[in-house]
Amino acid sequence: MTILPARLKSSCFVLATWFGAGLSPVAPGTVGTIAALPAHFVLSLLPDPAHLAALAMLTVLAVVCAGVLAGEAGQEDPQIVVVDEVVGVLLALLVIGDAGVMGVVAAVVLFRLFDIFKPWPIGALERLRPAGLGIVADDLAAGLVAGSIVLAASGLGA
């Protein structure tokens, strides 16, 4: 068993709950998704390679911190952990690029639907181990699928 310093645990708590959004008593996943939007607007100011690199770094931290909190809570995927929703929706929004307000709304709604209902193969990714990887992987897949659908629909003039 690894003993983590208290400072790392508290930093992981802040990140994994996305600055407390995961502590919402109602729909913490949706609250976390919405709480990710300011980060999207900041990241969208970066050139695409830097945006992608920042999202990749956040994803690595998300896997680590989601795993730490899951271990601390003794649960496979604690509801308070919403950083997985954050990186998932940020990926969806990166995929759609500049699709406007309606594109953002569509990507967020589709992301939440895929995250909640977890159709195959999205749901299968939850079983990946270690726990942090499974917690985050299904949300990344949901984000990729949601963003791809919105991108394809916007390319068709929808």
N, C-alpha and C. Protein backbone atom coordinates (compact mmCIF):
# COMPACT_ATOMS: atom_id res chain seq x y z
N MET A 1 0.85 -1.18 0.00
CA MET A 1 0.00 0.00 0.00
C MET A 1 0.89 1.24 0.00
N THR A 2 0.60 2.18 -0.86
CA THR A 2 1.39 3.40 -0.97
C THR A 2 0.78 4.47 -0.08
N ILE A 3 1.61 5.09 0.72
CA ILE A 3 1.16 6.20 1.56
C ILE A 3 1.49 7.48 0.81
N LEU A 4 0.47 8.26 0.50
CA LEU A 4 0.68 9.51 -0.23
C LEU A 4 0.75 10.67 0.73
N PRO A 5 1.59 11.65 0.44
CA PRO A 5 1.64 12.84 1.29
C PRO A 5 0.28 13.55 1.29
N ALA A 6 -0.04 14.14 2.43
CA ALA A 6 -1.34 14.83 2.58
C ALA A 6 -1.51 15.92 1.52
N ARG A 7 -0.42 16.59 1.17
CA ARG A 7 -0.51 17.67 0.18
C ARG A 7 -0.96 17.12 -1.18
N LEU A 8 -0.43 15.96 -1.57
CA LEU A 8 -0.84 15.34 -2.84
C LEU A 8 -2.30 14.92 -2.77
N LYS A 9 -2.70 14.34 -1.65
CA LYS A 9 -4.09 13.93 -1.49
C LYS A 9 -5.02 15.13 -1.61
N SER A 10 -4.67 16.24 -0.95
CA SER A 10 -5.56 17.41 -1.00
C SER A 10 -5.56 18.03 -2.39
N SER A 11 -4.42 18.03 -3.08
CA SER A 11 -4.38 18.54 -4.45
C SER A 11 -5.22 17.66 -5.36
N CYS A 12 -5.13 16.35 -5.16
CA CYS A 12 -5.94 15.43 -5.96
C CYS A 12 -7.42 15.61 -5.66
N PHE A 13 -7.76 15.88 -4.42
CA PHE A 13 -9.17 16.10 -4.08
C PHE A 13 -9.71 17.32 -4.83
N VAL A 14 -8.94 18.40 -4.83
CA VAL A 14 -9.37 19.62 -5.52
C VAL A 14 -9.53 19.36 -7.02
N LEU A 15 -8.56 18.69 -7.62
CA LEU A 15 -8.63 18.42 -9.06
C LEU A 15 -9.73 17.42 -9.39
N ALA A 16 -9.79 16.32 -8.65
CA ALA A 16 -10.76 15.26 -8.96
C ALA A 16 -12.20 15.73 -8.79
N THR A 17 -12.43 16.63 -7.83
CA THR A 17 -13.78 17.18 -7.65
C THR A 17 -13.98 18.44 -8.48
N TRP A 18 -13.01 18.78 -9.29
CA TRP A 18 -12.98 19.97 -10.14
C TRP A 18 -13.38 21.20 -9.33
N PHE A 19 -12.52 21.47 -8.33
CA PHE A 19 -12.65 22.65 -7.49
C PHE A 19 -13.98 22.66 -6.73
N GLY A 20 -14.45 21.47 -6.38
CA GLY A 20 -15.66 21.33 -5.57
C GLY A 20 -16.93 21.06 -6.34
N ALA A 21 -16.89 21.12 -7.66
CA ALA A 21 -18.11 20.88 -8.45
C ALA A 21 -18.68 19.49 -8.18
N GLY A 22 -17.82 18.52 -7.93
CA GLY A 22 -18.26 17.16 -7.67
C GLY A 22 -18.97 16.99 -6.34
N LEU A 23 -18.92 18.01 -5.51
CA LEU A 23 -19.59 17.94 -4.21
C LEU A 23 -21.05 18.35 -4.31
N SER A 24 -21.50 18.70 -5.50
CA SER A 24 -22.90 19.07 -5.69
C SER A 24 -23.80 17.91 -5.27
N PRO A 25 -24.84 18.20 -4.48
CA PRO A 25 -25.75 17.12 -4.07
C PRO A 25 -26.67 16.66 -5.20
N VAL A 26 -26.76 17.45 -6.25
CA VAL A 26 -27.62 17.11 -7.38
C VAL A 26 -26.78 17.05 -8.65
N ALA A 27 -26.85 15.94 -9.36
CA ALA A 27 -26.21 15.76 -10.67
C ALA A 27 -24.76 16.24 -10.71
N PRO A 28 -23.88 15.68 -9.86
CA PRO A 28 -22.50 16.16 -9.84
C PRO A 28 -21.78 16.01 -11.19
N GLY A 29 -22.10 14.98 -11.96
CA GLY A 29 -21.47 14.82 -13.28
C GLY A 29 -21.84 15.95 -14.23
N THR A 30 -23.09 16.35 -14.20
CA THR A 30 -23.54 17.45 -15.05
C THR A 30 -22.95 18.77 -14.56
N VAL A 31 -22.92 18.95 -13.24
CA VAL A 31 -22.32 20.17 -12.68
C VAL A 31 -20.84 20.24 -13.06
N GLY A 32 -20.13 19.11 -12.96
CA GLY A 32 -18.73 19.08 -13.35
C GLY A 32 -18.52 19.39 -14.82
N THR A 33 -19.43 18.87 -15.65
CA THR A 33 -19.36 19.14 -17.09
C THR A 33 -19.51 20.63 -17.37
N ILE A 34 -20.49 21.25 -16.74
CA ILE A 34 -20.72 22.69 -16.93
C ILE A 34 -19.55 23.49 -16.35
N ALA A 35 -19.01 23.02 -15.22
CA ALA A 35 -17.88 23.72 -14.60
C ALA A 35 -16.62 23.65 -15.45
N ALA A 36 -16.59 22.75 -16.42
CA ALA A 36 -15.43 22.64 -17.33
C ALA A 36 -15.44 23.72 -18.40
N LEU A 37 -16.58 24.34 -18.63
CA LEU A 37 -16.69 25.30 -19.74
C LEU A 37 -15.72 26.48 -19.64
N PRO A 38 -15.51 27.07 -18.46
CA PRO A 38 -14.50 28.15 -18.41
C PRO A 38 -13.11 27.67 -18.84
N ALA A 39 -12.75 26.44 -18.46
CA ALA A 39 -11.45 25.90 -18.90
C ALA A 39 -11.41 25.77 -20.41
N HIS A 40 -12.52 25.36 -21.01
CA HIS A 40 -12.57 25.26 -22.48
C HIS A 40 -12.32 26.62 -23.12
N PHE A 41 -12.96 27.64 -22.59
CA PHE A 41 -12.81 28.96 -23.20
C PHE A 41 -11.37 29.46 -23.07
N VAL A 42 -10.71 29.15 -21.96
CA VAL A 42 -9.30 29.52 -21.80
C VAL A 42 -8.43 28.69 -22.76
N LEU A 43 -8.64 27.38 -22.79
CA LEU A 43 -7.84 26.51 -23.66
C LEU A 43 -8.04 26.84 -25.14
N SER A 44 -9.23 27.29 -25.50
CA SER A 44 -9.50 27.59 -26.91
C SER A 44 -8.72 28.81 -27.40
N LEU A 45 -8.14 29.57 -26.49
CA LEU A 45 -7.30 30.70 -26.88
C LEU A 45 -5.91 30.25 -27.31
N LEU A 46 -5.55 29.03 -26.96
CA LEU A 46 -4.23 28.50 -27.29
C LEU A 46 -4.19 27.96 -28.72
N PRO A 47 -3.01 27.94 -29.32
CA PRO A 47 -2.88 27.24 -30.61
C PRO A 47 -3.23 25.76 -30.40
N ASP A 48 -3.73 25.11 -31.43
CA ASP A 48 -4.18 23.73 -31.29
C ASP A 48 -3.16 22.78 -30.65
N PRO A 49 -1.88 22.82 -31.03
CA PRO A 49 -0.93 21.89 -30.38
C PRO A 49 -0.81 22.12 -28.87
N ALA A 50 -0.81 23.38 -28.45
CA ALA A 50 -0.73 23.69 -27.02
C ALA A 50 -2.02 23.29 -26.31
N HIS A 51 -3.15 23.50 -26.96
CA HIS A 51 -4.46 23.10 -26.42
C HIS A 51 -4.47 21.59 -26.19
N LEU A 52 -4.03 20.84 -27.19
CA LEU A 52 -3.99 19.38 -27.10
C LEU A 52 -3.02 18.92 -26.01
N ALA A 53 -1.86 19.57 -25.92
CA ALA A 53 -0.87 19.22 -24.90
C ALA A 53 -1.42 19.49 -23.50
N ALA A 54 -2.09 20.61 -23.32
CA ALA A 54 -2.68 20.93 -22.02
C ALA A 54 -3.75 19.91 -21.64
N LEU A 55 -4.57 19.53 -22.60
CA LEU A 55 -5.60 18.53 -22.33
C LEU A 55 -4.97 17.17 -22.02
N ALA A 56 -3.89 16.83 -22.70
CA ALA A 56 -3.20 15.56 -22.42
C ALA A 56 -2.63 15.56 -21.00
N MET A 57 -2.02 16.68 -20.60
CA MET A 57 -1.48 16.77 -19.24
C MET A 57 -2.60 16.68 -18.20
N LEU A 58 -3.69 17.38 -18.45
CA LEU A 58 -4.83 17.33 -17.53
C LEU A 58 -5.38 15.91 -17.45
N THR A 59 -5.39 15.21 -18.56
CA THR A 59 -5.90 13.83 -18.58
C THR A 59 -5.02 12.92 -17.74
N VAL A 60 -3.71 13.06 -17.83
CA VAL A 60 -2.81 12.25 -17.01
C VAL A 60 -3.07 12.53 -15.53
N LEU A 61 -3.18 13.81 -15.17
CA LEU A 61 -3.48 14.16 -13.78
C LEU A 61 -4.83 13.63 -13.36
N ALA A 62 -5.80 13.65 -14.27
CA ALA A 62 -7.14 13.14 -13.97
C ALA A 62 -7.09 11.66 -13.64
N VAL A 63 -6.34 10.89 -14.43
CA VAL A 63 -6.23 9.45 -14.18
C VAL A 63 -5.62 9.20 -12.80
N VAL A 64 -4.54 9.90 -12.50
CA VAL A 64 -3.87 9.72 -11.21
C VAL A 64 -4.80 10.11 -10.06
N CYS A 65 -5.38 11.30 -10.13
CA CYS A 65 -6.19 11.80 -9.02
C CYS A 65 -7.51 11.06 -8.88
N ALA A 66 -8.11 10.64 -9.98
CA ALA A 66 -9.34 9.84 -9.89
C ALA A 66 -9.02 8.52 -9.19
N GLY A 67 -7.88 7.94 -9.51
CA GLY A 67 -7.47 6.70 -8.86
C GLY A 67 -7.20 6.89 -7.38
N VAL A 68 -6.57 8.00 -7.02
CA VAL A 68 -6.31 8.29 -5.61
C VAL A 68 -7.62 8.41 -4.84
N LEU A 69 -8.56 9.19 -5.36
CA LEU A 69 -9.83 9.36 -4.66
C LEU A 69 -10.65 8.08 -4.62
N ALA A 70 -10.62 7.31 -5.69
CA ALA A 70 -11.34 6.03 -5.68
C ALA A 70 -10.77 5.12 -4.59
N GLY A 71 -9.46 5.10 -4.47
CA GLY A 71 -8.83 4.30 -3.42
C GLY A 71 -9.18 4.79 -2.03
N GLU A 72 -9.15 6.10 -1.85
CA GLU A 72 -9.50 6.68 -0.55
C GLU A 72 -10.95 6.40 -0.18
N ALA A 73 -11.83 6.47 -1.17
CA ALA A 73 -13.26 6.28 -0.91
C ALA A 73 -13.64 4.80 -0.85
N GLY A 74 -12.76 3.94 -1.36
CA GLY A 74 -13.08 2.52 -1.41
C GLY A 74 -14.21 2.22 -2.39
N GLN A 75 -14.31 3.06 -3.44
CA GLN A 75 -15.35 2.89 -4.46
C GLN A 75 -14.69 2.86 -5.83
N GLU A 76 -15.33 2.16 -6.77
CA GLU A 76 -14.77 2.08 -8.12
C GLU A 76 -14.79 3.42 -8.83
N ASP A 77 -15.87 4.17 -8.69
CA ASP A 77 -16.02 5.46 -9.38
C ASP A 77 -16.88 6.38 -8.51
N PRO A 78 -16.27 7.01 -7.51
CA PRO A 78 -17.04 7.87 -6.60
C PRO A 78 -17.71 9.02 -7.35
N GLN A 79 -18.95 9.33 -6.97
CA GLN A 79 -19.69 10.40 -7.65
C GLN A 79 -19.00 11.75 -7.53
N ILE A 80 -18.24 11.96 -6.46
CA ILE A 80 -17.59 13.27 -6.29
C ILE A 80 -16.48 13.49 -7.31
N VAL A 81 -15.97 12.42 -7.91
CA VAL A 81 -14.93 12.54 -8.93
C VAL A 81 -15.59 12.96 -10.24
N VAL A 82 -15.33 14.20 -10.65
CA VAL A 82 -15.92 14.72 -11.89
C VAL A 82 -14.86 15.19 -12.88
N VAL A 83 -13.59 15.05 -12.53
CA VAL A 83 -12.54 15.46 -13.47
C VAL A 83 -12.60 14.61 -14.73
N ASP A 84 -13.17 13.41 -14.63
CA ASP A 84 -13.35 12.58 -15.82
C ASP A 84 -14.35 13.22 -16.78
N GLU A 85 -15.42 13.79 -16.24
CA GLU A 85 -16.36 14.53 -17.09
C GLU A 85 -15.69 15.76 -17.69
N VAL A 86 -14.83 16.39 -16.89
CA VAL A 86 -14.13 17.59 -17.37
C VAL A 86 -13.28 17.26 -18.59
N VAL A 87 -12.42 16.25 -18.49
CA VAL A 87 -11.55 15.95 -19.64
C VAL A 87 -12.36 15.39 -20.80
N GLY A 88 -13.43 14.67 -20.51
CA GLY A 88 -14.27 14.15 -21.59
C GLY A 88 -14.93 15.25 -22.40
N VAL A 89 -15.54 16.20 -21.70
CA VAL A 89 -16.22 17.28 -22.43
C VAL A 89 -15.20 18.21 -23.08
N LEU A 90 -14.04 18.40 -22.44
CA LEU A 90 -13.00 19.22 -23.08
C LEU A 90 -12.52 18.58 -24.38
N LEU A 91 -12.45 17.25 -24.41
CA LEU A 91 -12.07 16.57 -25.66
C LEU A 91 -13.16 16.77 -26.72
N ALA A 92 -14.41 16.63 -26.33
CA ALA A 92 -15.52 16.84 -27.28
C ALA A 92 -15.44 18.24 -27.88
N LEU A 93 -15.17 19.22 -27.03
CA LEU A 93 -15.13 20.61 -27.49
C LEU A 93 -13.88 20.89 -28.32
N LEU A 94 -12.78 20.20 -28.04
CA LEU A 94 -11.59 20.33 -28.88
C LEU A 94 -11.87 19.76 -30.27
N VAL A 95 -12.56 18.64 -30.33
CA VAL A 95 -12.87 18.00 -31.61
C VAL A 95 -13.72 18.90 -32.49
N ILE A 96 -14.70 19.59 -31.91
CA ILE A 96 -15.61 20.39 -32.74
C ILE A 96 -14.99 21.70 -33.19
N GLY A 97 -13.90 22.11 -32.56
CA GLY A 97 -13.26 23.36 -32.96
C GLY A 97 -14.19 24.54 -32.77
N ASP A 98 -14.25 25.40 -33.76
CA ASP A 98 -15.08 26.60 -33.68
C ASP A 98 -16.45 26.32 -34.30
N ALA A 99 -17.26 25.57 -33.57
CA ALA A 99 -18.59 25.20 -34.09
C ALA A 99 -19.69 26.11 -33.55
N GLY A 100 -19.30 27.19 -32.87
CA GLY A 100 -20.28 28.15 -32.37
C GLY A 100 -21.01 27.66 -31.14
N VAL A 101 -21.89 28.51 -30.65
CA VAL A 101 -22.63 28.22 -29.42
C VAL A 101 -23.48 26.97 -29.55
N MET A 102 -24.16 26.82 -30.68
CA MET A 102 -25.01 25.64 -30.86
C MET A 102 -24.17 24.36 -30.92
N GLY A 103 -22.99 24.45 -31.49
CA GLY A 103 -22.10 23.29 -31.51
C GLY A 103 -21.65 22.91 -30.12
N VAL A 104 -21.33 23.91 -29.30
CA VAL A 104 -20.93 23.66 -27.91
C VAL A 104 -22.08 23.01 -27.15
N VAL A 105 -23.28 23.57 -27.28
CA VAL A 105 -24.45 23.00 -26.59
C VAL A 105 -24.68 21.56 -27.04
N ALA A 106 -24.63 21.33 -28.34
CA ALA A 106 -24.85 19.97 -28.87
C ALA A 106 -23.79 19.01 -28.35
N ALA A 107 -22.54 19.43 -28.34
CA ALA A 107 -21.46 18.56 -27.87
C ALA A 107 -21.62 18.24 -26.39
N VAL A 108 -21.99 19.24 -25.59
CA VAL A 108 -22.18 19.01 -24.15
C VAL A 108 -23.34 18.05 -23.91
N VAL A 109 -24.45 18.27 -24.58
CA VAL A 109 -25.62 17.40 -24.39
C VAL A 109 -25.31 15.98 -24.85
N LEU A 110 -24.72 15.83 -26.03
CA LEU A 110 -24.37 14.49 -26.51
C LEU A 110 -23.36 13.82 -25.58
N PHE A 111 -22.38 14.58 -25.12
CA PHE A 111 -21.40 14.02 -24.19
C PHE A 111 -22.09 13.46 -22.95
N ARG A 112 -22.99 14.25 -22.36
CA ARG A 112 -23.67 13.78 -21.14
C ARG A 112 -24.51 12.53 -21.44
N LEU A 113 -25.17 12.50 -22.58
CA LEU A 113 -25.98 11.32 -22.92
C LEU A 113 -25.09 10.08 -23.05
N PHE A 114 -23.97 10.21 -23.77
CA PHE A 114 -23.07 9.06 -23.92
C PHE A 114 -22.44 8.68 -22.58
N ASP A 115 -22.16 9.67 -21.74
CA ASP A 115 -21.56 9.39 -20.44
C ASP A 115 -22.55 8.69 -19.51
N ILE A 116 -23.80 9.09 -19.56
CA ILE A 116 -24.82 8.50 -18.68
C ILE A 116 -25.20 7.10 -19.15
N PHE A 117 -25.49 6.95 -20.43
CA PHE A 117 -26.00 5.67 -20.94
C PHE A 117 -24.91 4.68 -21.33
N LYS A 118 -23.71 5.16 -21.59
CA LYS A 118 -22.53 4.34 -21.85
C LYS A 118 -22.77 3.19 -22.85
N PRO A 119 -23.16 3.51 -24.08
CA PRO A 119 -23.32 2.43 -25.06
C PRO A 119 -21.96 1.78 -25.34
N TRP A 120 -22.01 0.54 -25.86
CA TRP A 120 -20.78 -0.14 -26.21
C TRP A 120 -20.09 0.61 -27.34
N PRO A 121 -18.83 0.78 -27.34
CA PRO A 121 -17.82 0.26 -26.43
C PRO A 121 -17.48 1.20 -25.28
N ILE A 122 -18.18 2.32 -25.18
CA ILE A 122 -17.87 3.31 -24.14
C ILE A 122 -17.93 2.67 -22.76
N GLY A 123 -19.01 1.97 -22.47
CA GLY A 123 -19.18 1.36 -21.15
C GLY A 123 -18.11 0.33 -20.82
N ALA A 124 -17.62 -0.38 -21.83
CA ALA A 124 -16.60 -1.41 -21.61
C ALA A 124 -15.30 -0.80 -21.09
N LEU A 125 -15.04 0.45 -21.42
CA LEU A 125 -13.79 1.09 -21.00
C LEU A 125 -13.75 1.36 -19.51
N GLU A 126 -14.91 1.42 -18.86
CA GLU A 126 -14.95 1.63 -17.40
C GLU A 126 -14.22 0.53 -16.64
N ARG A 127 -14.13 -0.64 -17.22
CA ARG A 127 -13.53 -1.79 -16.54
C ARG A 127 -12.00 -1.80 -16.63
N LEU A 128 -11.42 -0.85 -17.34
CA LEU A 128 -9.96 -0.80 -17.42
C LEU A 128 -9.37 -0.57 -16.03
N ARG A 129 -8.20 -1.13 -15.82
CA ARG A 129 -7.49 -0.96 -14.56
C ARG A 129 -6.10 -0.43 -14.86
N PRO A 130 -5.52 0.37 -13.98
CA PRO A 130 -6.00 0.72 -12.65
C PRO A 130 -7.26 1.58 -12.70
N ALA A 131 -7.87 1.73 -11.52
CA ALA A 131 -9.18 2.38 -11.42
C ALA A 131 -9.23 3.75 -12.09
N GLY A 132 -8.22 4.56 -11.88
CA GLY A 132 -8.23 5.90 -12.47
C GLY A 132 -8.34 5.87 -13.98
N LEU A 133 -7.71 4.89 -14.61
CA LEU A 133 -7.77 4.76 -16.06
C LEU A 133 -9.20 4.44 -16.51
N GLY A 134 -9.84 3.51 -15.83
CA GLY A 134 -11.22 3.16 -16.17
C GLY A 134 -12.19 4.30 -15.94
N ILE A 135 -11.95 5.06 -14.86
CA ILE A 135 -12.83 6.19 -14.55
C ILE A 135 -12.79 7.22 -15.67
N VAL A 136 -11.60 7.47 -16.19
CA VAL A 136 -11.41 8.53 -17.19
C VAL A 136 -11.65 8.04 -18.62
N ALA A 137 -11.28 6.81 -18.94
CA ALA A 137 -11.31 6.34 -20.33
C ALA A 137 -12.70 6.38 -20.95
N ASP A 138 -13.73 5.99 -20.20
CA ASP A 138 -15.07 5.99 -20.79
C ASP A 138 -15.54 7.41 -21.11
N ASP A 139 -15.12 8.37 -20.29
CA ASP A 139 -15.50 9.76 -20.56
C ASP A 139 -14.75 10.33 -21.76
N LEU A 140 -13.50 9.93 -21.92
CA LEU A 140 -12.77 10.36 -23.12
C LEU A 140 -13.43 9.80 -24.37
N ALA A 141 -13.85 8.54 -24.31
CA ALA A 141 -14.54 7.93 -25.46
C ALA A 141 -15.86 8.64 -25.72
N ALA A 142 -16.61 8.94 -24.66
CA ALA A 142 -17.88 9.65 -24.82
C ALA A 142 -17.65 11.02 -25.45
N GLY A 143 -16.58 11.70 -25.02
CA GLY A 143 -16.25 13.00 -25.59
C GLY A 143 -15.84 12.91 -27.05
N LEU A 144 -15.05 11.90 -27.38
CA LEU A 144 -14.62 11.72 -28.77
C LEU A 144 -15.81 11.43 -29.68
N VAL A 145 -16.71 10.57 -29.24
CA VAL A 145 -17.89 10.24 -30.05
C VAL A 145 -18.80 11.45 -30.18
N ALA A 146 -19.07 12.13 -29.06
CA ALA A 146 -19.95 13.31 -29.10
C ALA A 146 -19.38 14.39 -30.01
N GLY A 147 -18.10 14.69 -29.85
CA GLY A 147 -17.46 15.71 -30.68
C GLY A 147 -17.46 15.33 -32.15
N SER A 148 -17.22 14.06 -32.43
CA SER A 148 -17.20 13.60 -33.83
C SER A 148 -18.57 13.72 -34.48
N ILE A 149 -19.61 13.41 -33.73
CA ILE A 149 -20.97 13.53 -34.27
C ILE A 149 -21.29 14.99 -34.58
N VAL A 150 -20.96 15.88 -33.65
CA VAL A 150 -21.24 17.31 -33.88
C VAL A 150 -20.42 17.83 -35.05
N LEU A 151 -19.16 17.42 -35.13
CA LEU A 151 -18.30 17.85 -36.24
C LEU A 151 -18.86 17.36 -37.57
N ALA A 152 -19.27 16.11 -37.62
CA ALA A 152 -19.84 15.56 -38.86
C ALA A 152 -21.14 16.27 -39.22
N ALA A 153 -21.98 16.52 -38.23
CA ALA A 153 -23.26 17.20 -38.49
C ALA A 153 -23.02 18.63 -38.97
N SER A 154 -22.03 19.31 -38.39
CA SER A 154 -21.77 20.69 -38.82
C SER A 154 -21.19 20.70 -40.23
N GLY A 155 -20.45 19.66 -40.60
CA GLY A 155 -19.92 19.55 -41.95
C GLY A 155 -21.00 19.27 -42.99
N LEU A 156 -22.10 18.72 -42.52
CA LEU A 156 -23.23 18.44 -43.41
C LEU A 156 -24.20 19.61 -43.49
N GLY A 157 -23.86 20.67 -42.78
CA GLY A 157 -24.72 21.85 -42.79
C GLY A 157 -25.89 21.76 -41.84
N ALA A 158 -25.83 20.84 -40.90
CA ALA A 158 -26.93 20.68 -39.94
C ALA A 158 -26.87 21.75 -38.87
